[in-house]
Protein backbone atom coordinates (compact mmCIF):
# COMPACT_ATOMS: atom_id res chain seq x y z
CA MET A 1 104.94 76.73 111.34
CA ALA A 2 103.46 80.24 111.69
CA THR A 3 106.09 81.07 114.19
CA THR A 4 108.98 79.87 111.86
CA ALA A 5 107.47 81.84 108.92
CA SER A 6 107.27 84.90 111.11
CA LYS A 7 110.80 84.59 112.22
CA LYS A 8 111.88 84.29 108.61
CA ALA A 9 110.00 87.34 107.51
CA LEU A 10 111.35 89.31 110.37
CA ARG A 11 114.86 88.27 109.41
CA HIS A 12 114.48 89.12 105.81
CA GLY A 13 112.78 92.49 106.75
CA GLY A 14 115.64 93.18 109.05
CA VAL A 15 118.18 92.58 106.31
CA THR A 16 116.14 94.89 103.96
CA VAL A 17 116.17 97.69 106.59
CA ALA A 18 119.88 97.32 107.10
CA LEU A 19 120.61 97.36 103.46
CA THR A 20 118.50 100.61 103.07
CA VAL A 21 120.26 102.28 105.87
CA LEU A 22 123.67 101.34 104.47
CA ILE A 23 122.69 102.65 100.98
CA VAL A 24 121.33 105.95 102.54
CA VAL A 25 124.55 106.26 104.67
CA ALA A 26 126.68 105.55 101.59
CA VAL A 27 124.83 108.22 99.47
CA ILE A 28 125.22 110.74 102.28
CA LEU A 29 128.97 110.06 102.62
CA LEU A 30 129.55 110.13 98.77
CA ASN A 31 127.53 113.53 98.60
CA ALA A 32 129.66 114.99 101.35
CA SER A 33 132.82 113.73 99.87
CA VAL A 34 131.97 115.19 96.42
CA THR A 35 130.85 118.49 97.98
CA SER A 36 134.09 118.71 99.87
CA LEU A 37 136.14 118.06 96.78
CA ALA A 38 134.00 120.55 94.75
CA MET A 39 134.74 123.23 97.40
CA ARG A 40 138.36 122.50 97.31
CA TYR A 41 139.02 122.22 93.62
CA GLY A 42 136.21 124.43 92.21
CA TRP A 43 134.14 121.72 90.50
CA PHE A 44 131.37 123.96 89.62
CA ILE A 45 129.26 124.77 86.49
CA ASN A 46 128.12 128.34 86.21
CA MET A 47 124.69 128.50 84.73
CA ASN A 48 124.87 132.22 83.89
CA PRO A 49 125.44 133.26 80.38
CA THR A 50 128.49 135.34 81.38
CA LEU A 51 131.00 133.92 83.64
CA LEU A 52 132.93 136.00 86.25
CA TYR A 53 136.69 136.04 86.34
CA PRO A 54 137.88 138.60 88.93
CA VAL A 55 141.53 139.52 88.87
CA THR A 56 143.37 137.40 91.31
CA ASP A 57 145.60 138.32 94.19
CA THR A 58 148.56 136.60 92.41
CA CYS A 59 148.26 139.09 89.56
CA TYR A 60 147.92 142.09 91.92
CA ASP A 61 150.99 140.91 93.71
CA TYR A 62 152.95 140.71 90.49
CA LEU A 63 151.77 144.26 89.28
CA ASP A 64 152.49 145.67 92.77
CA GLU A 65 156.17 144.36 92.62
CA PHE A 66 157.14 144.62 88.95
CA VAL A 67 154.85 147.07 87.18
CA ILE A 68 153.12 149.91 89.10
CA PRO A 69 156.33 151.15 90.96
CA ARG A 70 157.97 151.52 87.48
CA ALA A 71 155.22 153.37 85.75
CA GLU A 72 156.58 156.92 85.45
CA LYS A 73 153.46 157.92 83.42
CA ASP A 74 149.92 156.75 83.33
CA ILE A 75 149.30 153.23 81.94
CA ARG A 76 146.59 153.55 79.45
CA ILE A 77 144.22 150.75 78.52
CA ILE A 78 142.75 151.83 75.14
CA PHE A 79 139.74 149.91 73.65
CA CYS A 80 139.38 150.50 70.03
CA ASP A 81 135.65 151.03 69.81
CA GLU A 82 132.85 152.92 71.64
CA GLU A 83 132.23 151.84 75.29
CA GLU A 84 128.63 150.71 74.60
CA ASN A 85 129.79 148.53 71.75
CA ILE A 86 132.42 146.85 74.00
CA ARG A 87 129.86 146.24 76.71
CA ALA A 88 127.34 144.82 74.26
CA ASP A 89 129.70 142.10 73.07
CA VAL A 90 129.82 139.27 75.60
CA THR A 91 133.45 138.17 74.62
CA GLN A 92 134.83 141.78 74.78
CA SER A 93 133.10 142.39 78.06
CA TYR A 94 135.30 139.83 79.83
CA VAL A 95 138.26 141.87 78.80
CA LEU A 96 136.61 145.23 79.76
CA ASN A 97 135.60 143.83 83.16
CA THR A 98 139.34 142.87 83.86
CA ALA A 99 140.50 146.29 82.70
CA GLU A 100 137.90 148.01 84.96
CA GLU A 101 139.14 146.11 87.98
CA LEU A 102 142.72 147.00 87.23
CA ALA A 103 141.78 150.69 86.89
CA ALA A 104 139.77 150.57 90.24
CA ARG A 105 142.74 148.90 91.94
CA TYR A 106 145.21 151.50 90.64
CA PRO A 107 143.18 154.61 90.03
CA ASP A 108 146.27 156.96 90.05
CA THR A 109 148.09 154.85 87.48
CA VAL A 110 145.77 152.77 85.22
CA LYS A 111 143.30 154.81 83.00
CA LEU A 112 140.70 153.41 80.61
CA GLU A 113 140.14 155.07 77.24
CA TYR A 114 137.88 154.43 74.25
CA LEU A 115 139.10 155.05 70.67
CA ASN A 116 136.80 154.78 67.75
CA VAL A 117 139.39 153.59 65.15
CA TRP A 118 137.02 154.17 62.22
CA GLU A 119 136.64 157.81 63.09
CA ASN A 120 140.39 158.20 63.97
CA PRO A 121 142.28 156.06 61.51
CA LYS A 122 145.51 158.08 61.88
CA THR A 123 145.71 157.37 65.60
CA ALA A 124 144.85 153.71 64.92
CA ARG A 125 147.71 153.50 62.39
CA GLU A 126 150.18 155.10 64.90
CA TYR A 127 149.46 152.31 67.42
CA GLY A 128 149.37 149.64 64.80
CA VAL A 129 145.70 148.79 65.30
CA THR A 130 143.98 146.92 62.58
CA ALA A 131 140.71 145.82 64.21
CA SER A 132 138.11 147.48 66.46
CA THR A 133 138.35 144.47 68.93
CA SER A 134 142.04 145.17 69.54
CA VAL A 135 143.20 146.60 72.90
CA VAL A 136 146.09 148.89 73.31
CA VAL A 137 148.20 149.05 76.46
CA ALA A 138 150.42 152.26 76.45
CA CYS A 139 152.68 154.03 78.73
CA GLY A 140 154.43 157.28 77.41
CA GLU A 141 155.82 156.49 74.07
CA GLU A 142 155.67 152.67 74.54
CA SER A 143 152.62 150.69 73.54
CA ARG A 144 151.66 147.00 72.85
CA VAL A 145 148.61 145.87 70.79
CA CYS A 146 146.67 142.95 71.99
CA THR A 147 144.21 141.09 69.75
CA LEU A 148 140.96 139.83 71.18
CA ARG A 149 142.35 136.22 70.71
CA ASP A 150 145.29 137.02 72.94
CA PHE A 151 142.96 137.25 75.95
CA PHE A 152 141.68 133.63 75.48
CA VAL A 153 143.03 129.97 75.27
CA PHE A 154 141.82 127.84 72.58
CA PRO A 155 141.89 124.10 72.35
CA ALA A 156 143.92 122.41 69.54
CA GLY A 157 142.30 122.63 66.15
CA ASN A 158 139.56 125.02 67.36
CA THR A 159 139.86 128.76 66.64
CA GLU A 160 136.26 129.63 67.42
CA SER A 161 135.40 128.29 70.91
CA PRO A 162 137.80 129.28 73.65
CA SER A 163 138.41 126.88 76.52
CA ALA A 164 139.91 129.46 79.04
CA TYR A 165 140.20 133.14 79.78
CA ASN A 166 143.66 134.54 79.92
CA GLY A 167 142.91 138.15 80.52
CA GLU A 168 144.85 139.02 83.74
CA LYS A 169 148.10 137.41 82.43
CA ARG A 170 147.74 139.18 79.04
CA PHE A 171 147.37 142.60 80.64
CA ALA A 172 150.08 141.97 83.19
CA VAL A 173 152.49 140.92 80.42
CA ALA A 174 151.68 144.00 78.21
CA MET A 175 151.84 146.38 81.23
CA LYS A 176 155.15 145.04 82.20
CA ALA A 177 156.40 145.49 78.64
CA VAL A 178 155.35 149.14 78.37
CA VAL A 179 156.80 150.19 81.62
CA SER A 180 160.10 148.26 80.90
CA PRO A 181 161.01 149.32 77.30
CA ASP A 182 164.54 148.00 77.54
CA ALA A 183 163.30 144.30 77.41
CA PRO A 184 165.93 141.80 76.37
CA VAL A 185 165.69 140.44 72.80
CA ALA A 186 165.20 136.76 71.87
CA TYR A 187 166.88 136.06 68.56
CA MET A 188 165.38 133.17 66.47
CA THR A 189 167.95 131.68 64.07
CA LEU A 190 166.76 131.32 60.45
CA ASN A 191 169.69 130.06 58.23
CA HIS A 192 169.32 126.38 59.02
CA GLY A 193 165.98 125.64 57.45
CA GLU A 194 164.08 126.36 60.56
CA SER A 195 160.38 125.98 60.30
CA THR A 196 157.41 126.56 62.61
CA GLU A 197 153.83 125.37 62.42
CA ASP A 198 152.59 128.52 64.23
CA TYR A 199 153.76 131.40 66.36
CA ALA A 200 153.02 129.75 69.74
CA LEU A 201 156.75 129.71 70.88
CA MET A 202 157.20 133.32 69.97
CA TYR A 203 154.04 134.25 71.92
CA ALA A 204 155.40 132.44 74.90
CA LEU A 205 158.74 134.20 74.68
CA THR A 206 156.80 137.44 74.55
CA ASP A 207 154.96 136.52 77.67
CA ALA A 208 158.23 135.99 79.35
CA GLY A 209 159.24 139.60 78.51
CA TYR A 210 161.27 139.20 75.49
CA MET A 211 161.24 141.20 72.25
CA ILE A 212 161.54 138.87 69.19
CA ASN A 213 163.91 139.33 66.37
CA TYR A 214 165.64 137.02 63.76
CA LEU A 215 169.36 136.29 63.14
CA ASP A 216 171.38 134.89 60.27
CA ALA A 217 174.25 133.63 62.37
CA LEU A 218 176.24 132.75 59.31
CA SER A 219 176.33 136.26 58.08
CA PHE A 220 176.15 138.30 61.32
CA ASP A 221 177.51 138.12 64.77
CA ILE A 222 175.27 137.43 67.67
CA PRO A 223 174.17 140.96 68.84
CA GLU A 224 175.10 142.41 72.16
CA ASP A 225 171.44 142.79 73.15
CA CYS A 226 170.67 139.10 72.65
CA GLY A 227 169.20 137.79 75.86
CA LEU A 228 168.23 134.49 74.40
CA LEU A 229 169.20 132.58 71.24
CA VAL A 230 166.76 130.13 70.01
CA SER A 231 167.13 127.46 67.28
CA TYR A 232 163.79 125.75 66.59
CA ASN A 233 163.46 122.70 64.37
CA PRO A 234 166.52 123.13 62.17
CA ALA A 235 166.99 121.21 59.10
CA ARG A 236 170.73 121.67 58.70
CA ASP A 237 173.77 121.76 60.91
CA PHE A 238 175.60 124.77 62.40
CA THR A 239 178.63 125.54 60.41
CA ALA A 240 182.22 125.16 61.71
CA VAL A 241 185.63 125.99 60.24
CA ASP A 242 186.63 122.85 58.30
CA GLY A 243 187.58 121.84 54.76
CA VAL A 244 184.19 123.03 53.44
CA SER A 245 183.31 126.26 55.41
CA GLY A 246 185.61 129.01 56.47
CA TYR A 247 182.83 130.52 58.73
CA SER A 248 181.94 129.06 62.07
CA GLU A 249 178.58 129.53 63.73
CA ILE A 250 179.90 127.17 66.41
CA ASP A 251 182.60 129.62 67.37
CA LYS A 252 180.09 132.48 67.46
CA LEU A 253 177.88 130.35 69.74
CA ASP A 254 180.76 129.41 71.92
CA ALA A 255 181.85 133.04 72.35
CA TYR A 256 178.37 134.09 73.11
CA LEU A 257 177.88 131.46 75.84
CA LYS A 258 181.27 132.22 77.40
CA GLN A 259 179.81 135.71 77.93
CA GLY A 260 176.94 134.27 79.99
CA GLY A 261 174.53 133.81 76.96
CA LYS A 262 171.34 131.65 76.92
CA PHE A 263 170.73 129.18 74.22
CA MET A 264 167.69 127.01 73.57
CA TYR A 265 167.74 124.16 70.96
CA PHE A 266 164.50 122.40 69.81
CA VAL A 267 164.87 119.22 67.84
CA SER A 268 162.81 116.10 67.16
CA ALA A 269 163.49 112.48 65.86
CA ASP A 270 162.93 113.78 62.34
CA THR A 271 165.46 116.52 62.70
CA PHE A 272 168.43 114.07 62.52
CA ALA A 273 166.73 112.15 59.59
CA ALA A 274 167.28 115.21 57.53
CA GLY A 275 171.06 114.73 57.46
CA GLY A 276 174.29 115.01 59.57
CA PHE A 277 174.52 117.36 62.50
CA THR A 278 177.99 116.63 63.47
CA HIS A 279 179.02 120.11 64.42
CA ILE A 280 176.26 120.98 66.85
CA GLU A 281 176.06 117.48 68.25
CA SER A 282 179.77 117.59 69.05
CA TYR A 283 179.55 121.01 70.55
CA LEU A 284 176.54 120.11 72.77
CA THR A 285 178.51 117.14 74.12
CA GLU A 286 180.59 119.57 75.99
CA TRP A 287 177.17 120.82 77.67
CA GLY A 288 176.30 117.20 78.68
CA VAL A 289 173.98 116.41 75.84
CA THR A 290 174.26 113.73 73.21
CA PHE A 291 171.43 112.37 70.87
CA ALA A 292 170.97 108.65 71.01
CA HIS A 293 171.59 106.79 67.74
CA ASP A 294 171.60 103.23 66.51
CA THR A 295 173.46 101.81 63.61
CA GLY A 296 171.21 100.09 61.04
CA ALA A 297 171.92 97.02 58.88
CA GLU A 298 173.57 99.21 56.27
CA GLY A 299 175.71 101.16 58.66
CA VAL A 300 173.47 104.12 58.58
CA GLU A 301 173.15 106.09 61.88
CA GLU A 302 169.45 106.16 62.80
CA CYS A 303 168.13 108.37 65.55
CA PHE A 304 165.99 107.13 68.52
CA ALA A 305 162.36 107.90 68.55
CA VAL A 306 160.70 107.47 71.94
CA ARG A 307 157.60 105.32 72.16
CA ASP A 308 155.55 104.63 75.20
CA THR A 309 151.98 103.08 74.57
CA ALA A 310 151.25 103.02 78.36
CA HIS A 311 151.52 106.86 78.73
CA SER A 312 150.52 108.04 75.20
CA ILE A 313 147.46 109.93 74.07
CA THR A 314 147.68 108.36 70.58
CA THR A 315 147.38 104.68 69.67
CA ASP A 316 150.91 104.59 68.12
CA GLY A 317 152.62 105.60 71.31
CA TYR A 318 154.73 108.43 69.82
CA THR A 319 152.56 111.32 71.36
CA LEU A 320 153.36 110.86 75.00
CA LEU A 321 153.20 112.47 78.40
CA GLY A 322 156.48 113.28 80.18
CA GLN A 323 157.22 113.44 83.79
CA ILE A 324 159.28 115.79 85.84
CA PRO A 325 162.02 113.93 87.82
CA ALA A 326 162.48 114.32 91.56
CA GLY A 327 165.19 116.48 92.99
CA ASN A 328 166.40 119.75 91.50
CA ALA A 329 163.95 119.48 88.48
CA ALA A 330 160.90 119.29 90.87
CA GLY A 331 161.98 122.48 92.42
CA ILE A 332 162.56 124.35 89.23
CA MET A 333 159.17 123.17 87.93
CA ALA A 334 157.17 123.70 91.15
CA ASP A 335 154.72 126.14 89.38
CA VAL A 336 153.99 123.81 86.41
CA ASP A 337 150.33 123.26 86.11
CA GLY A 338 149.11 120.32 84.15
CA VAL A 339 150.85 117.39 82.31
CA ILE A 340 153.54 117.87 79.82
CA ARG A 341 152.98 116.61 76.21
CA VAL A 342 155.68 115.88 73.64
CA ALA A 343 155.58 113.97 70.37
CA ASN A 344 158.10 112.47 67.97
CA ALA A 345 160.71 112.88 70.66
CA THR A 346 164.18 111.62 70.51
CA ALA A 347 166.35 110.57 73.55
CA ILE A 348 168.98 112.66 75.13
CA GLN A 349 171.77 110.74 76.60
CA ILE A 350 174.37 112.11 79.20
CA PRO A 351 178.07 111.66 78.22
CA GLU A 352 180.48 109.83 80.50
CA ALA A 353 182.22 113.05 81.23
CA PHE A 354 179.29 114.07 83.41
CA ALA A 355 179.05 112.32 86.63
CA ALA A 356 175.75 111.51 88.42
CA SER A 357 175.12 113.72 91.49
CA ASN A 358 171.90 113.73 93.46
CA GLY A 359 169.81 113.45 90.23
CA ASP A 360 171.94 115.99 88.28
CA TYR A 361 175.07 115.43 86.27
CA VAL A 362 178.25 117.54 86.85
CA SER A 363 181.34 118.12 84.85
CA GLY A 364 183.74 120.85 86.08
CA THR A 365 181.67 124.03 86.53
CA ARG A 366 178.79 122.70 84.39
CA THR A 367 175.69 121.02 85.83
CA LEU A 368 173.10 119.24 83.78
CA THR A 369 169.61 118.80 85.26
CA PRO A 370 167.08 116.52 83.40
CA LEU A 371 163.87 118.57 83.42
CA LEU A 372 161.64 116.09 81.78
CA ARG A 373 161.74 112.28 81.21
CA SER A 374 159.53 109.79 79.74
CA TYR A 375 157.97 107.22 82.10
CA ALA A 376 159.91 104.10 83.01
CA GLY A 377 159.53 101.29 80.56
CA ALA A 378 159.46 103.47 77.45
CA GLU A 379 160.87 102.12 74.32
CA ALA A 380 163.21 103.58 71.71
CA TRP A 381 162.64 102.69 68.02
CA ALA A 382 164.98 103.49 65.17
CA GLY A 383 164.65 102.57 61.44
CA GLY A 384 161.13 101.11 62.15
CA ARG A 385 162.41 98.59 64.82
CA PRO A 386 162.57 98.62 68.57
CA VAL A 387 166.18 99.03 69.60
CA ASP A 388 166.20 99.91 73.35
CA ARG A 389 164.01 100.01 76.51
CA SER A 390 164.71 102.35 79.43
CA SER A 391 164.14 101.22 83.16
CA GLU A 392 164.06 104.80 84.37
CA GLY A 393 162.75 106.84 81.23
CA TYR A 394 164.51 108.72 78.53
CA ASN A 395 165.57 112.32 79.06
CA LEU A 396 163.38 114.54 76.89
CA VAL A 397 164.40 118.20 78.11
CA THR A 398 167.62 119.05 79.85
CA LEU A 399 169.10 122.28 81.26
CA THR A 400 172.83 122.72 81.61
CA THR A 401 174.15 125.70 83.55
CA ASP A 402 177.87 126.99 83.93
CA ASP A 403 178.65 128.43 87.22
CA ALA A 404 181.76 130.15 85.94
CA THR A 405 180.13 132.14 83.15
CA ASN A 406 176.31 132.11 84.19
CA ALA A 407 175.59 130.54 80.75
CA SER A 408 172.94 128.07 80.24
CA VAL A 409 171.70 125.77 77.54
CA LEU A 410 168.29 124.09 77.31
CA VAL A 411 167.80 121.33 74.81
CA CYS A 412 164.30 119.95 74.04
CA SER A 413 164.03 116.68 72.05
CA SER A 414 160.52 117.44 70.64
CA THR A 415 159.57 120.36 68.46
CA GLU A 416 155.95 119.64 69.16
CA PHE A 417 156.56 120.61 72.70
CA ALA A 418 156.31 124.16 71.57
CA ILE A 419 153.47 124.25 69.14
CA GLU A 420 150.07 125.94 69.47
CA ALA A 421 148.32 122.54 70.42
CA THR A 422 150.46 122.36 73.62
CA LEU A 423 151.49 125.93 74.51
CA GLN A 424 148.14 127.33 73.88
CA SER A 425 146.10 124.51 75.39
CA GLY A 426 144.52 124.82 78.84
CA GLY A 427 144.90 121.08 79.31
CA TYR A 428 148.65 120.95 79.18
CA GLY A 429 151.41 122.49 81.38
CA ASN A 430 153.89 123.05 78.56
CA ALA A 431 153.63 126.82 78.77
CA SER A 432 154.30 127.10 82.40
CA PHE A 433 157.02 124.58 82.04
CA LEU A 434 158.76 126.75 79.44
CA LEU A 435 158.35 129.90 81.52
CA SER A 436 159.86 128.02 84.55
CA ALA A 437 162.72 126.83 82.47
CA LEU A 438 163.38 130.40 81.32
CA THR A 439 163.34 131.55 85.02
CA ALA A 440 165.87 128.85 85.82
CA MET A 441 167.97 130.14 82.94
CA GLY A 442 168.14 133.47 84.69
CA LYS A 443 165.20 135.50 83.20
CA GLU A 444 163.67 137.52 85.98
CA GLU A 445 160.16 138.72 86.60
CA ILE A 446 158.38 136.15 84.45
CA PRO A 447 154.62 135.70 85.43
CA VAL A 448 154.87 132.04 85.76
CA SER A 449 152.36 131.86 88.46
CA LEU A 450 149.62 133.60 86.46
CA LYS A 451 147.30 130.93 85.07
CA SER A 452 144.49 130.97 82.55
CA GLN A 453 141.04 130.53 84.01
CA PRO A 454 139.14 127.70 82.28
CA PHE A 455 135.53 127.99 81.28
CA SER A 456 133.13 125.41 82.69
CA ASP A 457 133.69 122.24 80.84
CA ASP A 458 132.80 118.56 81.41
CA THR A 459 134.96 116.99 78.79
CA ILE A 460 138.01 114.88 79.37
CA HIS A 461 140.95 116.76 77.81
CA ILE A 462 143.76 114.34 78.59
CA MET A 463 143.61 110.54 78.91
CA THR A 464 146.44 108.12 78.17
CA THR A 465 145.87 104.76 76.34
CA ALA A 466 146.51 102.94 79.70
CA GLN A 467 144.04 105.04 81.56
CA ALA A 468 141.38 104.62 78.86
CA ARG A 469 141.97 100.89 79.04
CA ASN A 470 141.69 100.63 82.80
CA ILE A 471 138.52 102.83 82.84
CA THR A 472 136.88 100.70 80.22
CA ILE A 473 137.74 97.49 82.07
CA ALA A 474 136.34 99.07 85.32
CA LEU A 475 133.13 100.15 83.67
CA VAL A 476 132.61 96.81 82.13
CA ALA A 477 133.89 94.42 84.84
CA VAL A 478 132.81 96.17 88.13
CA PRO A 479 129.07 96.25 87.40
CA VAL A 480 129.19 92.55 86.15
CA CYS A 481 131.03 91.47 89.40
CA ILE A 482 128.49 93.39 91.62
CA VAL A 483 125.49 91.83 89.94
CA THR A 484 127.12 88.28 89.92
CA VAL A 485 128.04 88.33 93.67
CA TRP A 486 124.63 89.76 94.63
CA GLY A 487 122.92 87.18 92.52
CA LEU A 488 124.81 84.34 94.30
CA ILE A 489 123.95 85.78 97.70
CA VAL A 490 120.26 85.81 96.95
CA LEU A 491 120.36 82.18 95.40
CA ILE A 492 122.16 80.81 98.43
CA ARG A 493 119.88 82.61 100.93
CA ARG A 494 116.80 81.33 99.09
CA LYS A 495 118.21 77.81 98.97
CA PHE A 496 118.73 77.66 102.79
CA ALA A 497 115.79 79.88 103.77
């Protein structure tokens, strides 16, 4: 009996030792894996009160190619307070550190200056400075004023706690602007009831190198210096010569595009609820774009609203994440960093005149490329009822180019694509998506590859409903399964021991 008991004890002891060894090995392998991933993707938390964000080689490469060779005079970075005050403020010191690195890299071109705007109010007014926290970038007679907020990225709904530092990109954009004073102008139409929640789209266009102006296309022709025409969230249709109007904005738009113009049109599912858009919809059909409608019980045309509960960040399924299709779109959007968020989006359909060709759609000299789609299985609702489901996803953003005229038309089916919560958030790739689209439309020298540098953060910024459900199930089910299986093993071993 003693021998049998001894053997059982030895066997149980051996199992215990083996389990201990396996656990130790598993911990070592997990630690090695996490360390490797942390080294690769920068998963670190800096415990210092001030983080370090050195200027990247990507920024230097951009400045070396597009800025420094064009600077005929010194590029002056002017801080609007005494140096000691700038250094004493943690937030402003980030900006100063970046400026000092730029001055050290280009000592013959970039110069730092300090201007006490309270002692020199006249000079401050000449630059358009209104706060001592502003930074002026000047070259010769050209200057740009950057507010302190411009150097940081803020999460949606939070104007006090920045989520990322955007210093090198802001300086690169401002320096490019002052050495290239003949920047093209982006005209925002204003005579169709256009409305914006914020200025995020205009800030993004400024980052792309455009000057911003406004245009009443009903009263004025599209100017010759128009590098981009933008209609954002219109409430009324473009006019056309008919029995009501003798003026045609459609004719002006067509003439502009025939000369190689660039046009961006931002709408949403609510846009078409505001009334008929017969003229612009008919014209965009020639560029491969139609907006999906369904006829209701009373014969009313109701616009599609795309809904996808599996890939949404809200419970109603209307604030969803889009995906970039494979093929030409993937090449255009190669620099996009982060997921793309849209909300209250309608569906873009391709007319039969455009034939499918390797993921694109072609008609004559015009090629339409779907740049963003919903995920497969998304639904379309109209008038409060489900009316359609897509097996491949609905088109949300499209780009049509004309090889004959070099014109291009970008249509976005969600106005919330271009609001502050998406364009200014470090968690989404909408800003880099927009800049990449502008590059594809022919705008050169856009700093698409310059990224904001996030602060250390352990929060989850983006999680779809499906992901949240799966994680919840895993957290609940996996421990229960492990405990249950292990308990059964122990009971069986004890029974037959």
